[in-house]
Protein backbone atom coordinates (compact mmCIF):
# COMPACT_ATOMS: atom_id res chain seq x y z
CA UNK A 1 0.10 15.78 7.15
CA UNK A 2 1.31 12.44 8.47
CA UNK A 3 2.31 9.64 6.14
CA UNK A 4 1.64 6.16 7.52
CA UNK A 5 3.28 3.02 6.17
CA UNK A 6 2.01 -0.34 7.33
CA UNK A 7 3.70 -3.71 7.21
CA UNK A 8 3.43 -7.19 8.66
CA UNK A 9 0.23 -8.57 7.23
CA UNK A 10 -0.12 -11.85 5.40
CA UNK A 11 -1.40 -15.40 5.55
CA UNK A 12 -1.19 -17.35 8.78
CA UNK A 13 -2.68 -20.57 10.08
CA UNK A 14 -5.19 -20.51 12.89
CA UNK A 15 -3.40 -20.34 16.22
CA UNK A 16 -0.48 -18.45 14.77
CA UNK A 17 0.74 -14.91 15.40
CA UNK A 18 1.47 -11.80 13.41
CA UNK A 19 2.72 -8.35 14.29
CA UNK A 20 1.56 -5.38 12.30
CA UNK A 21 3.65 -2.23 12.24
CA UNK A 22 2.65 1.27 11.28
CA UNK A 23 5.38 3.87 10.89
CA UNK A 24 4.48 7.54 10.81
CA UNK A 25 6.58 10.14 9.09
CA UNK A 26 5.86 13.65 10.21
CA UNK A 27 7.61 16.95 10.43
CA UNK A 28 6.69 20.00 12.44
CA UNK A 29 3.70 18.37 13.99
CA UNK A 30 2.77 16.24 16.99
CA UNK A 31 1.27 12.78 16.80
CA UNK A 32 -1.30 12.04 19.47
CA UNK A 33 -3.45 8.92 19.58
CA UNK A 34 -2.57 6.09 17.23
CA UNK A 35 -4.65 3.04 16.56
CA UNK A 36 -6.17 0.44 14.32
CA UNK A 37 -9.46 -0.21 12.66
CA UNK A 38 -10.31 -3.39 10.84
CA UNK A 39 -12.71 -4.38 8.10
CA UNK A 40 -13.70 -8.01 7.75
CA UNK A 41 -15.04 -9.27 4.40
CA UNK A 42 -18.57 -8.04 3.85
CA UNK A 43 -18.58 -5.95 7.02
CA UNK A 44 -18.12 -2.33 7.94
CA UNK A 45 -14.82 -0.92 9.10
CA UNK A 46 -14.77 -0.83 12.90
CA UNK A 47 -12.58 0.54 15.65
CA UNK A 48 -10.21 -2.11 16.98
CA UNK A 49 -7.55 -0.65 19.29
CA UNK A 50 -5.83 2.60 20.17
CA UNK A 51 -2.93 3.89 22.23
CA UNK A 52 -2.33 7.42 23.45
CA UNK A 53 1.00 9.17 23.55
CA UNK A 54 1.44 8.26 27.21
CA UNK A 55 0.65 4.60 26.55
CA UNK A 56 -2.97 4.34 27.63
CA UNK A 57 -4.75 1.70 25.56
CA UNK A 58 -8.30 1.06 24.50
CA UNK A 59 -9.62 -2.09 22.82
CA UNK A 60 -12.78 -3.19 21.13
CA UNK A 61 -14.29 -6.27 22.75
CA UNK A 62 -13.14 -8.35 19.78
CA UNK A 63 -9.53 -7.29 20.42
CA UNK A 64 -9.34 -7.96 24.14
CA UNK A 65 -7.23 -10.88 25.30
CA UNK A 66 -5.36 -11.88 22.15
CA UNK A 67 -4.21 -8.55 20.70
CA UNK A 68 -1.83 -5.98 22.13
CA UNK A 69 -1.27 -2.49 20.84
CA UNK A 70 1.91 -0.61 21.62
CA UNK A 71 3.96 2.27 20.30
CA UNK A 72 7.48 3.58 20.23
CA UNK A 73 7.32 7.35 20.36
CA UNK A 74 11.00 7.68 19.46
CA UNK A 75 10.23 6.01 16.13
CA UNK A 76 6.66 7.30 15.69
CA UNK A 77 5.70 3.68 15.18
CA UNK A 78 2.85 1.64 16.54
CA UNK A 79 2.45 -2.10 16.63
CA UNK A 80 -0.39 -4.57 16.85
CA UNK A 81 0.66 -7.94 18.21
CA UNK A 82 -1.87 -10.55 17.17
CA UNK A 83 -1.77 -13.90 18.94
CA UNK A 84 -3.80 -17.09 18.72
CA UNK A 85 -5.34 -15.90 15.49
CA UNK A 86 -8.69 -17.25 14.38
CA UNK A 87 -10.29 -17.37 10.93
CA UNK A 88 -12.72 -14.67 12.05
CA UNK A 89 -9.75 -12.32 12.47
CA UNK A 90 -9.40 -12.31 8.69
CA UNK A 91 -9.71 -8.66 7.70
CA UNK A 92 -7.93 -5.63 6.38
CA UNK A 93 -6.32 -3.74 9.24
CA UNK A 94 -5.93 0.01 8.87
CA UNK A 95 -3.74 2.07 11.14
CA UNK A 96 -4.43 5.71 11.89
CA UNK A 97 -2.79 8.60 13.69
CA UNK A 98 -4.31 11.74 15.12
CA UNK A 99 -2.02 14.72 14.77
CA UNK A 100 -1.74 18.38 15.70
CA UNK A 101 0.05 21.19 13.99
CA UNK A 102 -0.40 24.43 15.88
CA UNK A 103 -4.16 24.85 16.06
CA UNK A 104 -4.80 22.39 13.25
CA UNK A 105 -5.93 18.84 13.93
CA UNK A 106 -6.29 15.88 11.64
CA UNK A 107 -6.25 12.12 11.20
CA UNK A 108 -4.16 10.19 8.72
CA UNK A 109 -4.71 6.59 7.63
CA UNK A 110 -2.44 3.82 6.46
CA UNK A 111 -3.00 1.89 3.25
CA UNK A 112 -4.31 -1.21 5.03
CA UNK A 113 -2.78 -4.61 5.66
CA UNK A 114 -4.55 -7.81 4.71
CA UNK A 115 -4.50 -10.52 7.32
CA UNK A 116 -5.82 -13.91 6.30
CA UNK A 117 -6.17 -16.67 8.87
CA UNK A 118 -6.62 -20.13 7.43
CA UNK A 119 -8.09 -23.15 9.19
């Protein structure tokens, strides 16, 4: 199984930036797509962004334009650069990683990072 450790969340003023990181520790398995979901207060968790091993990205409409997902395969780490943050971006951001081990497949999740954007 893959262990994911997130960092980078916190409190920021509207218009500011944050970068979330999600480091995966894995042995004897391959990490495929990595990504982020987010859960705003009182709302369901939703897909936010993903990046494949070869760097192809996919974004939810709410992520397009101000957020950039990237990864460093040498470090098994993904990043979510968040710019021009708005109060409505306040949420818990969860990273995930799809992995393969032989014929076994699975998805691991990070512990979640709180991002609070103040006015």
